C-alpha atoms as a PDB file:
ATOM      1  CA  MET A   1     -16.699   0.621  13.338  1.00  0.00           C
ATOM      2  CA  SER A   2     -17.552   1.576   9.791  1.00  0.00           C
ATOM      3  CA  GLU A   3     -17.066   4.652   7.675  1.00  0.00           C
ATOM      4  CA  THR A   4     -19.017   5.830   4.624  1.00  0.00           C
ATOM      5  CA  TYR A   5     -17.119   7.980   2.148  1.00  0.00           C
ATOM      6  CA  SER A   6     -18.397  10.649  -0.239  1.00  0.00           C
ATOM      7  CA  ASN A   7     -17.632   8.588  -3.322  1.00  0.00           C
ATOM      8  CA  GLY A   8     -19.874   5.759  -2.189  1.00  0.00           C
ATOM      9  CA  TRP A   9     -17.646   3.131  -0.615  1.00  0.00           C
ATOM     10  CA  LYS A  10     -18.165   1.987   2.912  1.00  0.00           C
ATOM     11  CA  THR A  11     -15.567   0.239   5.057  1.00  0.00           C
ATOM     12  CA  GLU A  12     -16.179  -2.254   7.824  1.00  0.00           C
ATOM     13  CA  LYS A  13     -13.501  -3.981   9.880  1.00  0.00           C
ATOM     14  CA  THR A  14     -14.562  -7.613   9.720  1.00  0.00           C
ATOM     15  CA  SER A  15     -11.707  -8.842  11.929  1.00  0.00           C
ATOM     16  CA  ALA A  16      -8.246  -7.793  13.055  1.00  0.00           C
ATOM     17  CA  SER A  17      -6.794  -8.763   9.676  1.00  0.00           C
ATOM     18  CA  VAL A  18      -9.757  -8.349   7.276  1.00  0.00           C
ATOM     19  CA  LEU A  19     -11.281  -5.072   6.074  1.00  0.00           C
ATOM     20  CA  THR A  20     -14.544  -5.240   4.107  1.00  0.00           C
ATOM     21  CA  VAL A  21     -15.353  -2.496   1.606  1.00  0.00           C
ATOM     22  CA  ARG A  22     -18.916  -2.379   0.282  1.00  0.00           C
ATOM     23  CA  PHE A  23     -20.185  -0.846  -2.950  1.00  0.00           C
ATOM     24  CA  GLU A  24     -23.973  -0.628  -3.366  1.00  0.00           C
ATOM     25  CA  ASP A  25     -26.022  -0.148  -6.548  1.00  0.00           C
ATOM     26  CA  VAL A  26     -23.264  -0.876  -9.035  1.00  0.00           C
ATOM     27  CA  SER A  27     -24.429  -0.308 -12.603  1.00  0.00           C
ATOM     28  CA  ALA A  28     -23.263   0.617 -16.106  1.00  0.00           C
ATOM     29  CA  GLY A  29     -20.416   3.148 -16.121  1.00  0.00           C
ATOM     30  CA  TRP A  30     -19.340   2.400 -12.556  1.00  0.00           C
ATOM     31  CA  GLU A  31     -15.642   2.402 -11.698  1.00  0.00           C
ATOM     32  CA  GLN A  32     -13.483   2.758  -8.615  1.00  0.00           C
ATOM     33  CA  TRP A  33      -9.788   3.675  -8.591  1.00  0.00           C
ATOM     34  CA  ILE A  34      -7.466   2.407  -5.884  1.00  0.00           C
ATOM     35  CA  MET A  35      -3.950   3.682  -5.226  1.00  0.00           C
ATOM     36  CA  LEU A  36      -1.655   0.841  -4.160  1.00  0.00           C
ATOM     37  CA  SER A  37       1.516   2.096  -2.501  1.00  0.00           C
ATOM     38  CA  SER A  38       4.280   1.079  -0.134  1.00  0.00           C
ATOM     39  CA  ASP A  39       7.765   2.100   0.908  1.00  0.00           C
ATOM     40  CA  ARG A  40       7.050   5.823   0.970  1.00  0.00           C
ATOM     41  CA  HIS A  41       9.894   6.343   3.474  1.00  0.00           C
ATOM     42  CA  HIS A  42       8.303   9.740   3.940  1.00  0.00           C
ATOM     43  CA  ASP A  43      10.693  11.079   6.577  1.00  0.00           C
ATOM     44  CA  SER A  44      13.814  10.117   4.630  1.00  0.00           C
ATOM     45  CA  ILE A  45      15.884  12.847   3.044  1.00  0.00           C
ATOM     46  CA  ASN A  46      15.710  10.728  -0.123  1.00  0.00           C
ATOM     47  CA  CYS A  47      11.886  10.677  -0.313  1.00  0.00           C
ATOM     48  CA  ASN A  48      10.562  12.312  -3.508  1.00  0.00           C
ATOM     49  CA  ARG A  49       7.788  14.275  -1.783  1.00  0.00           C
ATOM     50  CA  GLU A  50       6.854  16.163  -4.955  1.00  0.00           C
ATOM     51  CA  LEU A  51       6.023  12.929  -6.707  1.00  0.00           C
ATOM     52  CA  GLU A  52       4.286  11.587  -3.608  1.00  0.00           C
ATOM     53  CA  LYS A  53       2.089  14.711  -3.422  1.00  0.00           C
ATOM     54  CA  LYS A  54       1.384  14.578  -7.161  1.00  0.00           C
ATOM     55  CA  HIS A  55       0.007  11.048  -6.881  1.00  0.00           C
ATOM     56  CA  LEU A  56      -1.932  11.835  -3.697  1.00  0.00           C
ATOM     57  CA  ASN A  57      -3.581  14.769  -5.466  1.00  0.00           C
ATOM     58  CA  GLN A  58      -4.467  12.456  -8.339  1.00  0.00           C
ATOM     59  CA  ALA A  59      -6.062  10.105  -5.798  1.00  0.00           C
ATOM     60  CA  VAL A  60      -8.272  12.974  -4.607  1.00  0.00           C
ATOM     61  CA  GLU A  61      -9.233  13.820  -8.199  1.00  0.00           C
ATOM     62  CA  LYS A  62     -10.083  10.210  -8.954  1.00  0.00           C
ATOM     63  CA  GLN A  63     -11.896   9.761  -5.611  1.00  0.00           C
ATOM     64  CA  ALA A  64      -9.509   6.844  -5.228  1.00  0.00           C
ATOM     65  CA  MET A  65      -9.121   4.663  -2.212  1.00  0.00           C
ATOM     66  CA  ILE A  66      -5.544   4.362  -0.884  1.00  0.00           C
ATOM     67  CA  ILE A  67      -4.153   1.088   0.434  1.00  0.00           C
ATOM     68  CA  ASP A  68      -0.633   1.568   1.745  1.00  0.00           C
ATOM     69  CA  CYS A  69       1.357  -1.612   2.323  1.00  0.00           C
ATOM     70  CA  GLY A  70       4.054  -0.671   4.792  1.00  0.00           C
ATOM     71  CA  ASP A  71       7.152   1.408   5.401  1.00  0.00           C
ATOM     72  CA  LEU A  72       5.379   4.719   5.181  1.00  0.00           C
ATOM     73  CA  PHE A  73       8.094   5.751   7.601  1.00  0.00           C
ATOM     74  CA  ASP A  74      11.841   5.312   7.068  1.00  0.00           C
ATOM     75  CA  CYS A  75      12.515   5.973  10.771  1.00  0.00           C
ATOM     76  CA  MET A  76      16.195   5.003  10.624  1.00  0.00           C
ATOM     77  CA  GLN A  77      17.692   8.022  12.427  1.00  0.00           C
ATOM     78  CA  GLY A  78      16.766   7.080  15.989  1.00  0.00           C
ATOM     79  CA  ARG A  79      19.402   6.850  18.693  1.00  0.00           C
ATOM     80  CA  PHE A  80      19.410   3.043  18.815  1.00  0.00           C
ATOM     81  CA  ASP A  81      19.383   2.371  15.072  1.00  0.00           C
ATOM     82  CA  PRO A  82      22.815   1.209  13.782  1.00  0.00           C
ATOM     83  CA  ARG A  83      21.899   2.508  10.301  1.00  0.00           C
ATOM     84  CA  ARG A  84      21.484   6.106  11.484  1.00  0.00           C
ATOM     85  CA  SER A  85      23.382   8.894   9.757  1.00  0.00           C
ATOM     86  CA  TYR A  86      23.278  12.497  10.963  1.00  0.00           C
ATOM     87  CA  ALA A  87      23.950  13.677   7.409  1.00  0.00           C
ATOM     88  CA  GLU A  88      20.729  11.956   6.256  1.00  0.00           C
ATOM     89  CA  LEU A  89      18.538  13.504   8.965  1.00  0.00           C
ATOM     90  CA  ARG A  90      16.113  16.159   7.747  1.00  0.00           C
ATOM     91  CA  PRO A  91      16.704  19.471   9.558  1.00  0.00           C
ATOM     92  CA  GLU A  92      13.168  19.609  10.943  1.00  0.00           C
ATOM     93  CA  TYR A  93      13.687  16.269  12.686  1.00  0.00           C
ATOM     94  CA  LYS A  94      16.827  17.232  14.606  1.00  0.00           C
ATOM     95  CA  ALA A  95      15.241  16.984  18.039  1.00  0.00           C
ATOM     96  CA  ASP A  96      15.390  14.739  21.093  1.00  0.00           C
ATOM     97  CA  ASN A  97      11.845  13.543  20.353  1.00  0.00           C
ATOM     98  CA  TYR A  98      12.767  12.520  16.794  1.00  0.00           C
ATOM     99  CA  LEU A  99      10.131   9.755  16.538  1.00  0.00           C
ATOM    100  CA  ASP A 100       7.385  12.097  17.724  1.00  0.00           C
ATOM    101  CA  GLU A 101       8.470  14.728  15.210  1.00  0.00           C
ATOM    102  CA  ILE A 102       8.194  12.421  12.180  1.00  0.00           C
ATOM    103  CA  VAL A 103       4.708  11.364  13.230  1.00  0.00           C
ATOM    104  CA  THR A 104       3.575  14.946  13.778  1.00  0.00           C
ATOM    105  CA  ASP A 105       4.968  16.017  10.416  1.00  0.00           C
ATOM    106  CA  ALA A 106       3.383  13.063   8.590  1.00  0.00           C
ATOM    107  CA  SER A 107      -0.015  13.720  10.190  1.00  0.00           C
ATOM    108  CA  LYS A 108       0.045  17.240   8.745  1.00  0.00           C
ATOM    109  CA  PHE A 109       1.244  16.090   5.317  1.00  0.00           C
ATOM    110  CA  TYR A 110      -1.393  13.361   4.889  1.00  0.00           C
ATOM    111  CA  ALA A 111      -4.305  15.265   6.479  1.00  0.00           C
ATOM    112  CA  PRO A 112      -5.698  16.524   3.110  1.00  0.00           C
ATOM    113  CA  TYR A 113      -5.794  12.913   1.896  1.00  0.00           C
ATOM    114  CA  ALA A 114      -7.034  11.220   5.079  1.00  0.00           C
ATOM    115  CA  LYS A 115     -10.511  10.519   3.642  1.00  0.00           C
ATOM    116  CA  ASN A 116      -8.934   8.566   0.798  1.00  0.00           C
ATOM    117  CA  PHE A 117      -6.871   6.231   2.983  1.00  0.00           C
ATOM    118  CA  ALA A 118      -8.511   2.918   3.853  1.00  0.00           C
ATOM    119  CA  VAL A 119      -5.469   1.043   5.200  1.00  0.00           C
ATOM    120  CA  ILE A 120      -2.019   2.102   6.360  1.00  0.00           C
ATOM    121  CA  SER A 121      -0.165  -1.097   7.197  1.00  0.00           C
ATOM    122  CA  ARG A 122       3.168  -1.766   8.836  1.00  0.00           C
ATOM    123  CA  GLY A 123       6.417  -2.696   7.106  1.00  0.00           C
ATOM    124  CA  ASN A 124       9.750  -3.909   8.397  1.00  0.00           C
ATOM    125  CA  HIS A 125      10.976  -0.361   9.166  1.00  0.00           C
ATOM    126  CA  ASP A 126       7.857   0.389  11.211  1.00  0.00           C
ATOM    127  CA  LEU A 127       8.028  -2.936  13.058  1.00  0.00           C
ATOM    128  CA  MET A 128      11.725  -2.479  13.881  1.00  0.00           C
ATOM    129  CA  VAL A 129      10.932   0.753  15.728  1.00  0.00           C
ATOM    130  CA  ARG A 130       8.068  -0.923  17.591  1.00  0.00           C
ATOM    131  CA  LYS A 131      10.406  -3.723  18.627  1.00  0.00           C
ATOM    132  CA  ASN A 132      13.389  -1.601  19.661  1.00  0.00           C
ATOM    133  CA  ASN A 133      11.740   1.617  20.880  1.00  0.00           C
ATOM    134  CA  SER A 134       8.435   0.390  22.295  1.00  0.00           C
ATOM    135  CA  THR A 135       6.403   2.821  20.244  1.00  0.00           C
ATOM    136  CA  ASP A 136       4.108   2.137  17.297  1.00  0.00           C
ATOM    137  CA  LEU A 137       4.531   4.839  14.683  1.00  0.00           C
ATOM    138  CA  ILE A 138       1.721   3.588  12.404  1.00  0.00           C
ATOM    139  CA  SER A 139      -0.772   3.344  15.252  1.00  0.00           C
ATOM    140  CA  ASN A 140       0.170   6.832  16.405  1.00  0.00           C
ATOM    141  CA  LEU A 141      -0.159   8.288  12.894  1.00  0.00           C
ATOM    142  CA  VAL A 142      -3.480   6.630  12.194  1.00  0.00           C
ATOM    143  CA  TYR A 143      -4.837   7.785  15.541  1.00  0.00           C
ATOM    144  CA  ARG A 144      -3.930  11.394  14.755  1.00  0.00           C
ATOM    145  CA  LEU A 145      -5.346  11.256  11.229  1.00  0.00           C
ATOM    146  CA  ASN A 146      -8.599   9.702  12.396  1.00  0.00           C
ATOM    147  CA  SER A 147      -8.975  12.099  15.326  1.00  0.00           C
ATOM    148  CA  ASP A 148      -8.203  15.238  13.334  1.00  0.00           C
ATOM    149  CA  ASN A 149     -10.134  14.332  10.172  1.00  0.00           C
ATOM    150  CA  LYS A 150     -13.026  12.205  11.430  1.00  0.00           C
ATOM    151  CA  THR A 151     -11.928   9.200   9.376  1.00  0.00           C
ATOM    152  CA  ASP A 152     -11.709   5.498  10.150  1.00  0.00           C
ATOM    153  CA  ILE A 153      -8.387   4.456   8.614  1.00  0.00           C
ATOM    154  CA  VAL A 154      -7.323   0.954   9.598  1.00  0.00           C
ATOM    155  CA  PRO A 155      -3.758   0.436  10.888  1.00  0.00           C
ATOM    156  CA  GLY A 156      -2.868  -2.844   9.211  1.00  0.00           C
ATOM    157  CA  GLU A 157      -0.213  -5.283  10.312  1.00  0.00           C
ATOM    158  CA  ILE A 158       2.500  -6.506   7.919  1.00  0.00           C
ATOM    159  CA  GLY A 159      -0.146  -8.544   6.080  1.00  0.00           C
ATOM    160  CA  GLY A 160      -3.919  -8.651   5.770  1.00  0.00           C
ATOM    161  CA  TRP A 161      -6.935  -8.773   3.494  1.00  0.00           C
ATOM    162  CA  VAL A 162      -9.375  -6.363   1.879  1.00  0.00           C
ATOM    163  CA  ARG A 163     -12.705  -7.769   0.662  1.00  0.00           C
ATOM    164  CA  PHE A 164     -14.452  -5.663  -1.983  1.00  0.00           C
ATOM    165  CA  MET A 165     -18.167  -6.510  -1.890  1.00  0.00           C
ATOM    166  CA  PHE A 166     -20.466  -5.418  -4.737  1.00  0.00           C
ATOM    167  CA  VAL A 167     -24.249  -5.322  -5.202  1.00  0.00           C
ATOM    168  CA  ILE A 168     -25.235  -5.401  -8.893  1.00  0.00           C
ATOM    169  CA  GLY A 169     -29.035  -5.427  -8.992  1.00  0.00           C
ATOM    170  CA  THR A 170     -29.959  -8.700  -7.301  1.00  0.00           C
ATOM    171  CA  ILE A 171     -26.437 -10.111  -7.692  1.00  0.00           C
ATOM    172  CA  LYS A 172     -23.789  -9.999  -4.978  1.00  0.00           C
ATOM    173  CA  THR A 173     -20.155 -10.633  -5.802  1.00  0.00           C
ATOM    174  CA  SER A 174     -16.718  -9.927  -4.407  1.00  0.00           C
ATOM    175  CA  ILE A 175     -13.032  -9.403  -5.183  1.00  0.00           C
ATOM    176  CA  LYS A 176     -10.479 -10.384  -2.531  1.00  0.00           C
ATOM    177  CA  LEU A 177      -7.171  -8.558  -2.197  1.00  0.00           C
ATOM    178  CA  ASN A 178      -4.325  -9.791  -0.006  1.00  0.00           C
ATOM    179  CA  TYR A 179      -1.499  -7.454   0.992  1.00  0.00           C
ATOM    180  CA  PHE A 180       1.832  -8.423   2.513  1.00  0.00           C
ATOM    181  CA  HIS A 181       4.629  -5.903   2.845  1.00  0.00           C
ATOM    182  CA  GLY A 182       7.266  -8.419   1.795  1.00  0.00           C
ATOM    183  CA  ALA A 183      10.589  -9.746   2.975  1.00  0.00           C
ATOM    184  CA  GLY A 184      13.985 -10.617   1.559  1.00  0.00           C
ATOM    185  CA  GLY A 185      16.010  -8.863  -1.081  1.00  0.00           C
ATOM    186  CA  GLY A 186      13.815  -9.549  -4.117  1.00  0.00           C
ATOM    187  CA  GLY A 187      16.721 -10.701  -6.266  1.00  0.00           C
ATOM    188  CA  PRO A 188      18.651  -8.675  -8.871  1.00  0.00           C
ATOM    189  CA  VAL A 189      17.426 -10.943 -11.671  1.00  0.00           C
ATOM    190  CA  THR A 190      13.866 -12.011 -10.742  1.00  0.00           C
ATOM    191  CA  ARG A 191      12.973  -8.793  -8.852  1.00  0.00           C
ATOM    192  CA  GLY A 192      10.791 -10.929  -6.603  1.00  0.00           C
ATOM    193  CA  VAL A 193       8.593 -12.309  -9.391  1.00  0.00           C
ATOM    194  CA  ILE A 194       9.489 -15.868  -8.348  1.00  0.00           C
ATOM    195  CA  GLN A 195       7.375 -15.324  -5.204  1.00  0.00           C
ATOM    196  CA  THR A 196       4.246 -15.343  -7.362  1.00  0.00           C
ATOM    197  CA  ASN A 197       4.571 -19.124  -7.747  1.00  0.00           C
ATOM    198  CA  ARG A 198       4.728 -19.650  -3.984  1.00  0.00           C
ATOM    199  CA  GLN A 199       1.962 -17.260  -3.037  1.00  0.00           C
ATOM    200  CA  ALA A 200      -0.383 -18.594  -5.727  1.00  0.00           C
ATOM    201  CA  VAL A 201      -0.214 -21.998  -4.079  1.00  0.00           C
ATOM    202  CA  TYR A 202      -0.912 -21.020  -0.478  1.00  0.00           C
ATOM    203  CA  MET A 203      -3.389 -18.184  -1.154  1.00  0.00           C
ATOM    204  CA  PRO A 204      -5.845 -19.728  -3.638  1.00  0.00           C
ATOM    205  CA  ASP A 205      -8.742 -17.510  -2.517  1.00  0.00           C
ATOM    206  CA  ALA A 206      -7.061 -14.224  -3.515  1.00  0.00           C
ATOM    207  CA  ASP A 207      -7.905 -12.351  -6.716  1.00  0.00           C
ATOM    208  CA  ILE A 208      -5.184  -9.711  -6.227  1.00  0.00           C
ATOM    209  CA  ILE A 209      -1.987 -10.084  -4.202  1.00  0.00           C
ATOM    210  CA  VAL A 210       0.001  -6.927  -3.398  1.00  0.00           C
ATOM    211  CA  ASN A 211       3.606  -6.930  -2.115  1.00  0.00           C
ATOM    212  CA  GLY A 212       6.132  -4.159  -1.568  1.00  0.00           C
ATOM    213  CA  HIS A 213       9.476  -4.051   0.245  1.00  0.00           C
ATOM    214  CA  THR A 214      11.869  -4.682  -2.657  1.00  0.00           C
ATOM    215  CA  HIS A 215      11.152  -1.286  -4.300  1.00  0.00           C
ATOM    216  CA  ASP A 216      10.389  -2.965  -7.621  1.00  0.00           C
ATOM    217  CA  ALA A 217       7.356  -2.292  -9.827  1.00  0.00           C
ATOM    218  CA  TRP A 218       5.453  -4.847 -11.853  1.00  0.00           C
ATOM    219  CA  VAL A 219       2.048  -6.394 -12.521  1.00  0.00           C
ATOM    220  CA  VAL A 220       1.893 -10.111 -13.342  1.00  0.00           C
ATOM    221  CA  PRO A 221      -1.521 -11.630 -14.177  1.00  0.00           C
ATOM    222  CA  ILE A 222      -1.719 -15.419 -13.942  1.00  0.00           C
ATOM    223  CA  ALA A 223      -4.581 -17.221 -15.687  1.00  0.00           C
ATOM    224  CA  ARG A 224      -6.446 -19.875 -13.721  1.00  0.00           C
ATOM    225  CA  VAL A 225      -8.971 -22.543 -14.800  1.00  0.00           C
ATOM    226  CA  ARG A 226     -11.970 -22.612 -12.454  1.00  0.00           C
ATOM    227  CA  LEU A 227     -14.818 -25.055 -11.977  1.00  0.00           C
ATOM    228  CA  SER A 228     -18.012 -23.485 -10.597  1.00  0.00           C
ATOM    229  CA  ASN A 229     -20.437 -25.085  -8.145  1.00  0.00           C
ATOM    230  CA  LYS A 230     -22.740 -25.636 -11.112  1.00  0.00           C
ATOM    231  CA  GLY A 231     -20.090 -27.622 -12.984  1.00  0.00           C
ATOM    232  CA  VAL A 232     -19.232 -24.839 -15.441  1.00  0.00           C
ATOM    233  CA  ILE A 233     -15.593 -24.542 -16.534  1.00  0.00           C
ATOM    234  CA  GLY A 234     -14.271 -20.990 -16.747  1.00  0.00           C
ATOM    235  CA  LYS A 235     -11.141 -18.908 -16.458  1.00  0.00           C
ATOM    236  CA  ASP A 236     -10.105 -15.998 -14.287  1.00  0.00           C
ATOM    237  CA  TYR A 237      -6.925 -14.114 -13.394  1.00  0.00           C
ATOM    238  CA  LEU A 238      -4.912 -13.825 -10.231  1.00  0.00           C
ATOM    239  CA  TYR A 239      -3.138 -10.445 -10.349  1.00  0.00           C
ATOM    240  CA  PHE A 240       0.216 -10.075  -8.606  1.00  0.00           C
ATOM    241  CA  VAL A 241       1.279  -6.488  -7.919  1.00  0.00           C
ATOM    242  CA  ARG A 242       4.652  -5.287  -6.679  1.00  0.00           C
ATOM    243  CA  THR A 243       4.537  -1.679  -5.493  1.00  0.00           C
ATOM    244  CA  PRO A 244       7.585   0.606  -5.943  1.00  0.00           C
ATOM    245  CA  THR A 245       8.956   3.257  -3.606  1.00  0.00           C
ATOM    246  CA  TYR A 246       9.111   7.039  -3.231  1.00  0.00           C
ATOM    247  CA  GLY A 247      12.595   6.842  -1.700  1.00  0.00           C
ATOM    248  CA  ASP A 248      15.368   7.492  -4.219  1.00  0.00           C
ATOM    249  CA  ASP A 249      18.286   5.936  -2.332  1.00  0.00           C
ATOM    250  CA  TYR A 250      20.382   5.554  -5.487  1.00  0.00           C
ATOM    251  CA  GLY A 251      20.427   9.280  -6.338  1.00  0.00           C
ATOM    252  CA  ASP A 252      23.220  10.007  -8.816  1.00  0.00           C
ATOM    253  CA  GLY A 253      24.988   6.785  -7.935  1.00  0.00           C
ATOM    254  CA  THR A 254      28.074   8.423  -6.440  1.00  0.00           C
ATOM    255  CA  GLY A 255      27.708   7.277  -2.837  1.00  0.00           C
ATOM    256  CA  GLY A 256      25.574   6.418   0.177  1.00  0.00           C
ATOM    257  CA  TRP A 257      24.636   3.178   1.927  1.00  0.00           C
ATOM    258  CA  TRP A 258      22.550   1.871  -0.961  1.00  0.00           C
ATOM    259  CA  VAL A 259      25.184   2.554  -3.615  1.00  0.00           C
ATOM    260  CA  GLU A 260      28.001   1.184  -1.446  1.00  0.00           C
ATOM    261  CA  ARG A 261      26.250  -2.179  -1.237  1.00  0.00           C
ATOM    262  CA  TRP A 262      25.992  -2.185  -5.067  1.00  0.00           C
ATOM    263  CA  GLY A 263      22.304  -1.391  -5.066  1.00  0.00           C
ATOM    264  CA  ALA A 264      20.704  -0.570  -8.407  1.00  0.00           C
ATOM    265  CA  PRO A 265      18.337   2.367  -9.083  1.00  0.00           C
ATOM    266  CA  LYS A 266      14.707   1.558  -8.298  1.00  0.00           C
ATOM    267  CA  PRO A 267      11.446   2.800  -9.839  1.00  0.00           C
ATOM    268  CA  LEU A 268       9.609   5.593  -8.027  1.00  0.00           C
ATOM    269  CA  GLY A 269       5.851   5.836  -7.848  1.00  0.00           C
ATOM    270  CA  CYS A 270       2.739   3.765  -7.134  1.00  0.00           C
ATOM    271  CA  VAL A 271       0.396   1.285  -8.812  1.00  0.00           C
ATOM    272  CA  TRP A 272      -3.133   2.182  -9.834  1.00  0.00           C
ATOM    273  CA  LEU A 273      -5.822  -0.453  -9.576  1.00  0.00           C
ATOM    274  CA  ARG A 274      -9.067   0.181 -11.475  1.00  0.00           C
ATOM    275  CA  LEU A 275     -12.220  -1.754 -10.638  1.00  0.00           C
ATOM    276  CA  TYR A 276     -14.994  -1.389 -13.204  1.00  0.00           C
ATOM    277  CA  TYR A 277     -18.317  -2.800 -14.293  1.00  0.00           C
ATOM    278  CA  HIS A 278     -18.400  -4.561 -17.670  1.00  0.00           C
ATOM    279  CA  SER A 279     -20.677  -7.208 -19.176  1.00  0.00           C
ATOM    280  CA  ASN A 280     -22.605  -7.830 -15.950  1.00  0.00           C
ATOM    281  CA  ARG A 281     -19.495  -8.386 -13.865  1.00  0.00           C
ATOM    282  CA  ILE A 282     -16.763  -6.576 -11.978  1.00  0.00           C
ATOM    283  CA  LYS A 283     -13.405  -6.545 -13.727  1.00  0.00           C
ATOM    284  CA  PHE A 284     -10.091  -5.001 -12.769  1.00  0.00           C
ATOM    285  CA  GLU A 285      -6.791  -3.849 -14.217  1.00  0.00           C
ATOM    286  CA  ALA A 286      -3.575  -2.552 -12.669  1.00  0.00           C
ATOM    287  CA  PHE A 287      -0.610  -0.563 -13.944  1.00  0.00           C
ATOM    288  CA  PRO A 288       2.396   1.205 -12.417  1.00  0.00           C
ATOM    289  CA  ASP A 289       2.631   5.002 -12.492  1.00  0.00           C
ATOM    290  CA  LEU A 290       6.345   5.790 -12.370  1.00  0.00           C
ATOM    291  CA  GLU A 291       8.561   8.870 -12.409  1.00  0.00           C
END
């Protein structure tokens, strides 16, 4: 299936793990904003929903595409989750069908922004529920959003690709983005930046690599020397992006699971990616937008 959006981009699911986004007739002055997010933990009592809504409204204003890289749900208050805490359960979710309630609530919250979402992928929290409770929260949410809003959002797995394809006159070019929710603790010193060295080696075809999970926020461009098929030596950049969270687990630092394990405060927000036309080519830049 494919979907054409009002701001001119068209999506096409190339395979189970690759989404193709096409932009036709790119010319001077063209730009496209993309909101990169992860770790919303929307149903958590610690989610900063005001900030989340602020950035989603900005996405609508910018006609931005949204690529969400996992853990949209916190989903830790189920009966079989050892991390559950009744004190951390939002009042509206105190029901026997807790997992249904968080999906229903999220489908209402994200409905005004459904046409901006291209991908909502799964993170470790989402996959844990699928493993232990035999229900897929992301699949259920995406189904509701697509059915209610006539959209074609893709429910991504923990990792995948987005190919941005551009037509500039008679020239066709592309930018390839890889997303992977992430794993591990990130590290109190490196904040996960060390992973850029590993991923750069085994994903040489990527132009942008997006990770989440550790609730850190940074953009690290790495310069590469390239040799074209015509024997021309050039240089480009591989951008590494780490997306932050909307879940403020640290709070005032006086208590809670995160503080008890000596967790540090984490940045709240998203990362904006701007694609733009300049000097007969497509360029891009990325920067965090933090509270």
